[in-house]
Amino acid sequence: MLARTGLILAGLAIGLIVAEIGLRLAGFSFPRPAQRDDDRGTAYRPGVEWWQTQEGEAFVLINHDGFRDQQRPFTKPHGTIRIAVLGDSYVDALQVPEEGRFTELLEAGLDREGAFGGAEVEVLNFGVSGYGTAQELMTLRSRVWKYEPDVVILAFLPGNDLRNNYEPLQGDPGRPYFILRGEELVLDDSFRTSPDHLKTWRHKLGYFVVDNSRLAQLAYFARKNFKKRREVDRRNERARDHADAEASVELGLDALVYKPPVDADWQQAWDVTEAILKQMHREVRAKGAQFLVVTLTASAQVAPDPQARRAFAAPRSRRLVLRRDPSGRTGKEGRVSRRPLGARFRRVRGEPRRFLARLSQHRDGPRPLEPRGTPTGGRNPRDRNRAAIGRQGDPRLTCSVAN
C-alpha cells in the first residue's frame, strides 16, 4: 500500500515538474503584478516586469514607486513643468509599448510645440488597471504630490469608474471607498482589517509559490479570468432586472451609466463620484496646481460603423458635444439638456466640468474632437488609450449635451 502511494506521488511530482518545464520552455509567464497597499488596497509591485500578451503585446516594467513609468526623482528639475495623469487601464495601457501611450505622446507633442514657453515638460503616468476615482484620489494624496506636479489630469472612464467607487456595485471589499454623510465625504478604509489585507502566513506562502512557479501562475491566470467573467455575468443579470439587455458595453464596462440612475445604488454611486471629483479639484487647487478632467470612451462609441454607433446610442440617447466658448475663456458652458450623463457632470458646479475635453490619435496625428463625434480611443490594442489634452492654444473647450 505504501509502495503504491509512493509511486502515485512520484508520478504526480514528475508530471508537475514536466508541466513546469514545459511552460517555461513555451515562454509562459504571468507574474503576480500587484500587492496589498495600506492607502489604495492594491498597487503594482515595484520592480516587477513581464510580457503582456493577453491583449496586444508589450513589455511591462513597474518603477520603484509602483507605476508603469520611467524612474523619476521626487524633486522637480528646475525650469520643468510636470503633468501628473491619474487613471485606470486606459492610462497605464499595459496593452501597448510605453512609447505608444498617450502620456508619452502628449509629452513629446508639448515639447515639440514649445508649450509652456519652451520649458521642458514631463508627463508622469500614475495609471493603475482596475482603479476607480476613489483609489485615484488616494493615489493623489499618497504618491503624486511628492513629485511636485504643476497640472493634474484625471482620466475619467464613466463606463466603470462609477461602479468602482461604490462597494454595493463593485462588490470588492479589498479597496478603499468614500461614503457621504450628509454633505461630508468620509473615507471608508475598512479594507485594512480584512484577512486578505493583513497578509497571514497562508497568503505569504501562496505569493511565494505564484512568484516562483509557472504552473502556479497558470492557475492564478485562470482564476483571475474566471472571476472577471463571473463579475460580467453578475452585472448582466442586474441589468436585465432593469430592462437593459446589455449591462456590459464590453468586458469590464457598464452600459447602465448611460441611463438615469436605475436604483438607489446607482444614484448613490453618482453622488459619491461627484463628491470625489469636487474633493479632488479642491485638493489640487489648494496645492496651486491646475486640475483637468478627460473623459474616456467605450468601444461602442468609437465603432467604425456609424450604424453600430447609432444602434447603441438610440435606446440610451447620450452624446457629449464640445463647443468652443466664443469669448475665448473657460467660462460658463452651453446649455445642458435633461440627458442625465451630461447633467450629472454639470452638477459639479465650478469644478472640472469645463475641462471635459477629448482628443483622438489618428493616422495623421492628434486632432481635436469633432462636434458630435467620439475619439478613436476604444479597447482595441492599436487605438485605445488615445485621450489627450489639446494643443497649445486649444484648451478653451466647454461641454454641453446634444439633444
Protein backbone atom coordinates (compact mmCIF):
# COMPACT_ATOMS: atom_id res chain seq x y z
CA MET A 1 0.00 0.00 0.00
CA LEU A 2 2.77 2.41 0.93
CA ALA A 3 4.71 1.49 -2.19
CA ARG A 4 1.66 2.18 -4.38
CA THR A 5 1.08 5.53 -2.68
CA GLY A 6 4.73 6.40 -3.17
CA LEU A 7 4.56 5.57 -6.86
CA ILE A 8 1.45 7.71 -7.29
CA LEU A 9 3.08 10.65 -5.52
CA ALA A 10 6.29 10.23 -7.51
CA GLY A 11 4.32 10.15 -10.76
CA LEU A 12 2.40 13.24 -9.74
CA ALA A 13 5.61 15.06 -8.85
CA ILE A 14 7.22 14.11 -12.17
CA GLY A 15 4.11 15.31 -14.00
CA LEU A 16 4.20 18.65 -12.22
CA ILE A 17 7.90 19.07 -12.95
CA VAL A 18 7.39 18.26 -16.63
CA ALA A 19 4.48 20.73 -16.81
CA GLU A 20 6.59 23.41 -15.12
CA ILE A 21 9.47 22.87 -17.53
CA GLY A 22 7.08 22.86 -20.50
CA LEU A 23 5.52 26.17 -19.51
CA ARG A 24 8.94 27.76 -19.07
CA LEU A 25 10.15 26.48 -22.45
CA ALA A 26 6.94 27.80 -24.04
CA GLY A 27 7.68 31.22 -22.58
CA PHE A 28 4.54 31.37 -20.44
CA SER A 29 4.74 33.87 -17.60
CA PHE A 30 2.01 35.56 -15.60
CA PRO A 31 3.67 37.01 -12.51
CA ARG A 32 1.64 38.47 -9.69
CA PRO A 33 1.69 42.17 -10.66
CA ALA A 34 0.05 43.64 -7.56
CA GLN A 35 0.49 43.71 -3.81
CA ARG A 36 -1.53 44.97 -0.88
CA ASP A 37 -1.28 48.69 -0.17
CA ASP A 38 -2.44 50.47 3.01
CA ASP A 39 -3.68 53.53 1.11
CA ARG A 40 -5.19 52.09 -2.07
CA GLY A 41 -5.97 48.46 -1.27
CA THR A 42 -3.77 47.14 -4.06
CA ALA A 43 -0.89 48.61 -6.05
CA TYR A 44 1.70 47.42 -8.54
CA ARG A 45 4.76 45.70 -7.08
CA PRO A 46 7.83 47.89 -7.56
CA GLY A 47 10.32 46.36 -9.96
CA VAL A 48 8.06 43.60 -11.32
CA GLU A 49 8.32 43.00 -15.07
CA TRP A 50 6.60 40.75 -17.59
CA TRP A 51 5.45 40.40 -21.19
CA GLN A 52 1.76 41.22 -21.55
CA THR A 53 0.24 39.13 -24.39
CA GLN A 54 -3.44 38.79 -23.47
CA GLU A 55 -4.44 41.90 -25.42
CA GLY A 56 -1.85 43.23 -27.82
CA GLU A 57 1.77 42.66 -26.83
CA ALA A 58 4.04 44.82 -24.70
CA PHE A 59 6.85 44.56 -22.20
CA VAL A 60 5.77 45.91 -18.82
CA LEU A 61 8.19 47.24 -16.22
CA ILE A 62 6.99 48.81 -12.97
CA ASN A 63 9.22 51.53 -11.50
CA HIS A 64 10.49 51.88 -7.92
CA ASP A 65 7.33 53.74 -6.84
CA GLY A 66 4.88 51.17 -8.21
CA PHE A 67 3.84 52.72 -11.54
CA ARG A 68 4.46 51.93 -15.18
CA ASP A 69 6.62 54.96 -15.84
CA GLN A 70 10.29 55.78 -16.07
CA GLN A 71 12.28 56.34 -12.90
CA ARG A 72 11.99 59.99 -11.89
CA PRO A 73 13.40 61.96 -8.97
CA PHE A 74 10.85 63.25 -6.49
CA THR A 75 12.27 66.75 -6.72
CA LYS A 76 11.18 68.50 -9.90
CA PRO A 77 14.11 69.72 -12.04
CA HIS A 78 14.44 73.49 -12.26
CA GLY A 79 12.52 75.00 -15.17
CA THR A 80 10.42 71.87 -15.73
CA ILE A 81 6.64 71.61 -15.99
CA ARG A 82 5.29 68.37 -14.57
CA ILE A 83 1.90 66.94 -15.56
CA ALA A 84 0.57 64.05 -13.46
CA VAL A 85 -2.02 61.77 -15.10
CA LEU A 86 -4.31 59.64 -12.93
CA GLY A 87 -6.48 56.84 -14.30
CA ASP A 88 -7.01 53.13 -14.77
CA SER A 89 -6.06 50.69 -17.55
CA TYR A 90 -6.67 53.31 -20.22
CA VAL A 91 -3.77 55.24 -18.69
CA ASP A 92 -1.23 52.58 -17.71
CA ALA A 93 -2.03 50.91 -21.07
CA LEU A 94 -0.38 47.56 -20.47
CA GLN A 95 -1.51 46.54 -23.96
CA VAL A 96 0.90 48.82 -25.83
CA PRO A 97 4.58 49.75 -25.52
CA GLU A 98 5.26 52.72 -23.27
CA GLU A 99 6.23 54.94 -26.19
CA GLY A 100 2.78 54.36 -27.74
CA ARG A 101 0.74 55.56 -24.76
CA PHE A 102 -0.99 58.92 -24.81
CA THR A 103 1.08 60.19 -21.89
CA GLU A 104 4.31 59.75 -23.84
CA LEU A 105 2.73 61.18 -26.99
CA LEU A 106 1.49 64.16 -25.00
CA GLU A 107 4.92 64.81 -23.50
CA ALA A 108 6.63 64.62 -26.90
CA GLY A 109 3.99 66.84 -28.53
CA LEU A 110 4.17 69.56 -25.89
CA ASP A 111 7.96 69.59 -26.06
CA ARG A 112 7.91 69.66 -29.86
CA GLU A 113 5.48 72.58 -30.00
CA GLY A 114 7.27 74.60 -27.32
CA ALA A 115 4.34 74.71 -24.94
CA PHE A 116 4.75 76.45 -21.56
CA GLY A 117 7.15 78.97 -23.03
CA GLY A 118 9.62 76.34 -24.14
CA ALA A 119 10.06 74.80 -20.67
CA GLU A 120 10.81 71.09 -20.55
CA VAL A 121 7.66 69.05 -19.97
CA GLU A 122 7.42 65.78 -18.05
CA VAL A 123 4.18 63.79 -18.16
CA LEU A 124 4.06 61.33 -15.27
CA ASN A 125 1.86 58.25 -15.64
CA PHE A 126 0.10 57.23 -12.40
CA GLY A 127 -2.40 54.88 -14.04
CA VAL A 128 -3.23 51.53 -12.41
CA SER A 129 -5.51 48.98 -14.06
CA GLY A 130 -8.77 48.47 -12.20
CA TYR A 131 -8.66 51.69 -10.21
CA GLY A 132 -11.71 53.86 -9.66
CA THR A 133 -11.83 57.56 -8.82
CA ALA A 134 -11.65 56.85 -5.08
CA GLN A 135 -8.36 54.99 -5.45
CA GLU A 136 -7.10 57.71 -7.79
CA LEU A 137 -7.81 60.31 -5.12
CA MET A 138 -5.86 58.19 -2.64
CA THR A 139 -3.04 57.92 -5.19
CA LEU A 140 -3.02 61.70 -5.49
CA ARG A 141 -2.71 62.05 -1.72
CA SER A 142 -0.16 59.32 -1.06
CA ARG A 143 2.04 59.27 -4.19
CA VAL A 144 1.59 62.20 -6.56
CA TRP A 145 2.36 65.30 -4.52
CA LYS A 146 5.94 64.34 -3.75
CA TYR A 147 6.66 64.74 -7.48
CA GLU A 148 5.56 68.41 -7.37
CA PRO A 149 3.18 68.44 -10.38
CA ASP A 150 2.00 71.71 -11.92
CA VAL A 151 -1.01 70.09 -13.62
CA VAL A 152 -3.09 67.07 -12.56
CA ILE A 153 -5.14 65.29 -15.22
CA LEU A 154 -7.82 62.80 -14.21
CA ALA A 155 -8.70 60.34 -16.98
CA PHE A 156 -12.31 59.59 -16.05
CA LEU A 157 -13.98 56.49 -17.51
CA PRO A 158 -17.76 56.64 -16.94
CA GLY A 159 -18.00 53.02 -18.13
CA ASN A 160 -16.71 51.65 -14.84
CA ASP A 161 -15.47 54.43 -12.54
CA LEU A 162 -18.95 54.95 -11.10
CA ARG A 163 -19.25 51.28 -10.18
CA ASN A 164 -15.66 51.17 -8.90
CA ASN A 165 -16.48 53.97 -6.46
CA TYR A 166 -19.39 52.26 -4.69
CA GLU A 167 -18.96 48.95 -2.87
CA PRO A 168 -22.51 47.54 -3.33
CA LEU A 169 -21.97 47.78 -7.11
CA GLN A 170 -18.29 46.86 -7.21
CA GLY A 171 -18.51 44.01 -4.71
CA ASP A 172 -14.83 44.26 -3.75
CA PRO A 173 -14.14 44.67 -0.02
CA GLY A 174 -10.40 44.93 -0.63
CA ARG A 175 -10.24 48.57 -1.72
CA PRO A 176 -10.95 51.99 -0.16
CA TYR A 177 -14.27 53.71 -0.76
CA PHE A 178 -15.76 57.05 0.15
CA ILE A 179 -19.21 57.46 1.65
CA LEU A 180 -21.39 60.53 2.04
CA ARG A 181 -22.57 61.56 5.50
CA GLY A 182 -24.75 64.49 4.69
CA GLU A 183 -22.51 66.73 2.61
CA GLU A 184 -19.30 65.31 4.11
CA LEU A 185 -17.16 62.87 2.12
CA VAL A 186 -15.77 60.26 4.51
CA LEU A 187 -13.09 57.66 3.76
CA ASP A 188 -14.06 54.03 4.36
CA ASP A 189 -10.75 52.21 4.89
CA SER A 190 -12.21 49.08 6.48
CA PHE A 191 -10.30 47.00 3.90
CA ARG A 192 -7.23 47.40 6.13
CA THR A 193 -8.68 44.98 8.70
CA SER A 194 -9.68 42.27 6.21
CA PRO A 195 -7.83 38.90 6.40
CA ASP A 196 -6.62 39.27 2.81
CA HIS A 197 -5.02 42.61 3.57
CA LEU A 198 -3.36 41.52 6.81
CA LYS A 199 -1.18 39.00 4.92
CA THR A 200 -1.43 35.85 7.00
CA TRP A 201 1.22 33.14 6.62
CA ARG A 202 -1.09 31.36 4.14
CA HIS A 203 -1.16 34.40 1.86
CA LYS A 204 2.60 34.84 2.09
CA LEU A 205 3.15 31.19 1.18
CA GLY A 206 0.76 31.48 -1.74
CA TYR A 207 2.52 34.62 -3.00
CA PHE A 208 5.88 32.85 -2.82
CA VAL A 209 4.60 29.88 -4.84
CA VAL A 210 3.00 32.09 -7.52
CA ASP A 211 6.12 34.22 -7.78
CA ASN A 212 8.32 31.20 -8.43
CA SER A 213 6.20 28.65 -10.32
CA ARG A 214 4.87 28.96 -13.88
CA LEU A 215 2.32 26.24 -13.12
CA ALA A 216 1.01 28.26 -10.17
CA GLN A 217 0.94 31.34 -12.42
CA LEU A 218 -1.20 29.42 -14.90
CA ALA A 219 -3.68 28.58 -12.13
CA TYR A 220 -3.58 32.23 -10.98
CA PHE A 221 -4.25 33.39 -14.56
CA ALA A 222 -7.23 31.01 -14.94
CA ARG A 223 -8.68 32.09 -11.60
CA LYS A 224 -8.49 35.80 -12.48
CA ASN A 225 -10.22 35.24 -15.83
CA PHE A 226 -12.94 33.15 -14.20
CA LYS A 227 -13.62 35.87 -11.60
CA LYS A 228 -13.73 38.51 -14.32
CA ARG A 229 -16.26 36.53 -16.38
CA ARG A 230 -18.39 35.84 -13.30
CA GLU A 231 -18.45 39.56 -12.49
CA VAL A 232 -19.66 40.37 -16.03
CA ASP A 233 -22.42 37.76 -15.70
CA ARG A 234 -23.47 39.29 -12.38
CA ARG A 235 -23.75 42.76 -13.91
CA ASN A 236 -25.66 41.47 -16.91
CA GLU A 237 -28.16 39.78 -14.59
CA ARG A 238 -28.60 43.04 -12.68
CA ALA A 239 -29.13 44.93 -15.94
CA ARG A 240 -31.83 42.51 -17.07
CA ASP A 241 -33.63 43.28 -13.83
CA HIS A 242 -33.73 46.91 -15.04
CA ALA A 243 -34.87 46.08 -18.59
CA ASP A 244 -31.47 46.63 -20.18
CA ALA A 245 -30.35 43.54 -22.06
CA GLU A 246 -26.76 44.74 -22.27
CA ALA A 247 -25.14 45.72 -18.99
CA SER A 248 -21.61 45.47 -20.34
CA VAL A 249 -20.69 47.65 -23.30
CA GLU A 250 -17.59 45.48 -23.32
CA LEU A 251 -15.72 43.41 -20.79
CA GLY A 252 -15.35 45.47 -17.62
CA LEU A 253 -17.62 48.36 -18.65
CA ASP A 254 -21.27 49.14 -17.84
CA ALA A 255 -23.95 50.38 -20.21
CA LEU A 256 -26.21 51.41 -17.31
CA VAL A 257 -24.20 54.62 -16.87
CA TYR A 258 -25.91 55.97 -19.99
CA LYS A 259 -29.33 55.73 -18.35
CA PRO A 260 -30.80 57.72 -15.47
CA PRO A 261 -29.91 56.02 -12.15
CA VAL A 262 -31.93 52.81 -12.20
CA ASP A 263 -32.00 52.32 -8.43
CA ALA A 264 -30.73 53.72 -5.13
CA ASP A 265 -27.32 52.10 -5.56
CA TRP A 266 -26.66 53.82 -8.89
CA GLN A 267 -27.96 57.11 -7.51
CA GLN A 268 -25.53 56.83 -4.61
CA ALA A 269 -22.69 55.89 -6.96
CA TRP A 270 -23.30 59.09 -8.95
CA ASP A 271 -23.49 61.22 -5.78
CA VAL A 272 -20.29 59.77 -4.32
CA THR A 273 -18.42 60.10 -7.62
CA GLU A 274 -19.40 63.75 -7.96
CA ALA A 275 -18.27 64.41 -4.39
CA ILE A 276 -14.91 62.75 -5.09
CA LEU A 277 -14.42 64.90 -8.20
CA LYS A 278 -15.16 68.03 -6.18
CA GLN A 279 -12.79 66.98 -3.43
CA MET A 280 -10.02 66.17 -5.88
CA HIS A 281 -10.47 69.57 -7.52
CA ARG A 282 -10.27 71.34 -4.16
CA GLU A 283 -7.12 69.50 -3.14
CA VAL A 284 -5.37 70.15 -6.44
CA ARG A 285 -6.18 73.86 -6.37
CA ALA A 286 -5.07 74.08 -2.73
CA LYS A 287 -1.63 72.91 -3.89
CA GLY A 288 -1.55 75.65 -6.54
CA ALA A 289 -1.84 73.21 -9.45
CA GLN A 290 -4.35 73.09 -12.29
CA PHE A 291 -6.93 70.29 -12.46
CA LEU A 292 -8.17 68.86 -15.76
CA VAL A 293 -10.61 66.01 -16.40
CA VAL A 294 -10.60 63.98 -19.61
CA THR A 295 -13.48 61.61 -20.30
CA LEU A 296 -12.71 58.27 -21.94
CA THR A 297 -14.85 56.18 -24.25
CA ALA A 298 -16.30 52.71 -24.64
CA SER A 299 -15.76 50.77 -27.86
CA ALA A 300 -19.40 51.22 -28.89
CA GLN A 301 -18.81 54.99 -29.03
CA VAL A 302 -15.90 54.65 -31.45
CA ALA A 303 -17.05 51.73 -33.60
CA PRO A 304 -16.05 52.34 -37.25
CA ASP A 305 -19.59 51.54 -38.42
CA PRO A 306 -21.82 54.61 -37.84
CA GLN A 307 -24.92 52.41 -37.83
CA ALA A 308 -23.47 50.39 -34.96
CA ARG A 309 -22.84 53.58 -33.01
CA ARG A 310 -26.38 54.82 -33.64
CA ALA A 311 -27.83 51.43 -32.67
CA PHE A 312 -26.03 51.58 -29.35
CA ALA A 313 -26.91 55.22 -28.68
CA ALA A 314 -30.59 55.07 -29.69
CA PRO A 315 -32.02 53.43 -26.54
CA ARG A 316 -29.73 55.45 -24.29
CA SER A 317 -29.73 58.86 -26.02
CA ARG A 318 -26.50 60.18 -24.55
CA ARG A 319 -23.96 62.17 -26.55
CA LEU A 320 -21.38 64.59 -25.26
CA VAL A 321 -20.74 67.55 -27.53
CA LEU A 322 -17.88 70.01 -27.19
CA ARG A 323 -18.06 73.57 -28.39
CA ARG A 324 -15.66 76.49 -28.13
CA ASP A 325 -16.50 79.35 -25.84
CA PRO A 326 -16.87 82.32 -28.25
CA SER A 327 -15.29 84.63 -25.67
CA GLY A 328 -12.12 82.57 -25.68
CA ARG A 329 -12.40 81.99 -21.93
CA THR A 330 -13.32 78.90 -19.97
CA GLY A 331 -16.45 80.43 -18.54
CA LYS A 332 -19.98 79.08 -18.34
CA GLU A 333 -20.60 76.23 -20.71
CA GLY A 334 -23.54 75.98 -23.05
CA ARG A 335 -26.97 74.67 -22.27
CA VAL A 336 -27.10 71.20 -20.78
CA SER A 337 -30.17 69.23 -21.72
CA ARG A 338 -32.10 66.88 -19.49
CA ARG A 339 -29.91 63.96 -20.52
CA PRO A 340 -28.55 62.50 -17.30
CA LEU A 341 -24.87 61.83 -18.15
CA GLY A 342 -24.08 65.42 -19.04
CA ALA A 343 -26.43 66.84 -16.45
CA ARG A 344 -24.73 64.90 -13.72
CA PHE A 345 -21.38 66.43 -14.63
CA ARG A 346 -22.96 69.86 -14.72
CA ARG A 347 -23.88 69.47 -11.06
CA VAL A 348 -20.17 69.62 -10.20
CA ARG A 349 -20.54 73.39 -10.21
CA GLY A 350 -17.42 75.47 -10.64
CA GLU A 351 -15.39 72.29 -10.81
CA PRO A 352 -13.55 70.38 -13.57
CA ARG A 353 -16.58 70.03 -15.84
CA ARG A 354 -15.42 72.84 -18.11
CA PHE A 355 -12.28 70.86 -18.92
CA LEU A 356 -14.15 67.80 -20.19
CA ALA A 357 -12.33 67.62 -23.49
CA ARG A 358 -11.24 64.67 -25.55
CA LEU A 359 -8.80 64.38 -28.40
CA SER A 360 -8.08 61.49 -30.67
CA GLN A 361 -4.89 60.00 -32.04
CA HIS A 362 -5.46 59.31 -35.74
CA ARG A 363 -3.09 58.31 -38.50
CA ASP A 364 -2.33 61.94 -39.23
CA GLY A 365 -1.65 62.79 -35.57
CA PRO A 366 -3.67 64.24 -32.70
CA ARG A 367 -6.65 66.39 -33.56
CA PRO A 368 -9.45 67.97 -31.51
CA LEU A 369 -12.64 66.00 -31.06
CA GLU A 370 -15.11 66.87 -33.78
CA PRO A 371 -18.53 68.12 -32.61
CA ARG A 372 -20.97 65.26 -32.12
CA GLY A 373 -18.05 62.88 -32.56
CA THR A 374 -16.03 60.49 -30.48
CA PRO A 375 -12.32 59.77 -30.42
CA THR A 376 -10.77 56.52 -31.55
CA GLY A 377 -9.85 55.55 -28.04
CA GLY A 378 -11.55 52.19 -27.57
CA ARG A 379 -10.25 48.91 -26.24
CA ASN A 380 -8.50 47.77 -29.42
CA PRO A 381 -4.81 47.43 -28.52
CA ARG A 382 -3.83 49.53 -31.54
CA ASP A 383 -6.05 52.50 -30.88
CA ARG A 384 -7.04 52.52 -27.22
CA ASN A 385 -5.61 54.90 -24.65
CA ARG A 386 -5.67 57.82 -27.06
CA ALA A 387 -7.37 60.50 -24.98
CA ALA A 388 -5.05 63.51 -24.77
CA ILE A 389 -5.01 67.17 -23.85
CA GLY A 390 -5.30 69.68 -26.66
CA ARG A 391 -2.57 71.52 -28.49
CA GLN A 392 -1.26 74.80 -27.16
CA GLY A 393 -3.88 77.47 -27.70
CA ASP A 394 -6.73 74.94 -27.79
CA PRO A 395 -7.67 74.36 -24.15
CA ARG A 396 -10.76 76.60 -24.11
CA LEU A 397 -13.33 73.91 -24.70
CA THR A 398 -16.61 73.64 -22.85
CA CYS A 399 -19.06 70.82 -22.53
CA SER A 400 -22.74 70.50 -23.28
CA VAL A 401 -25.06 67.65 -24.21
CA ALA A 402 -26.74 67.19 -27.58
CA ASN A 403 -30.46 66.73 -27.89
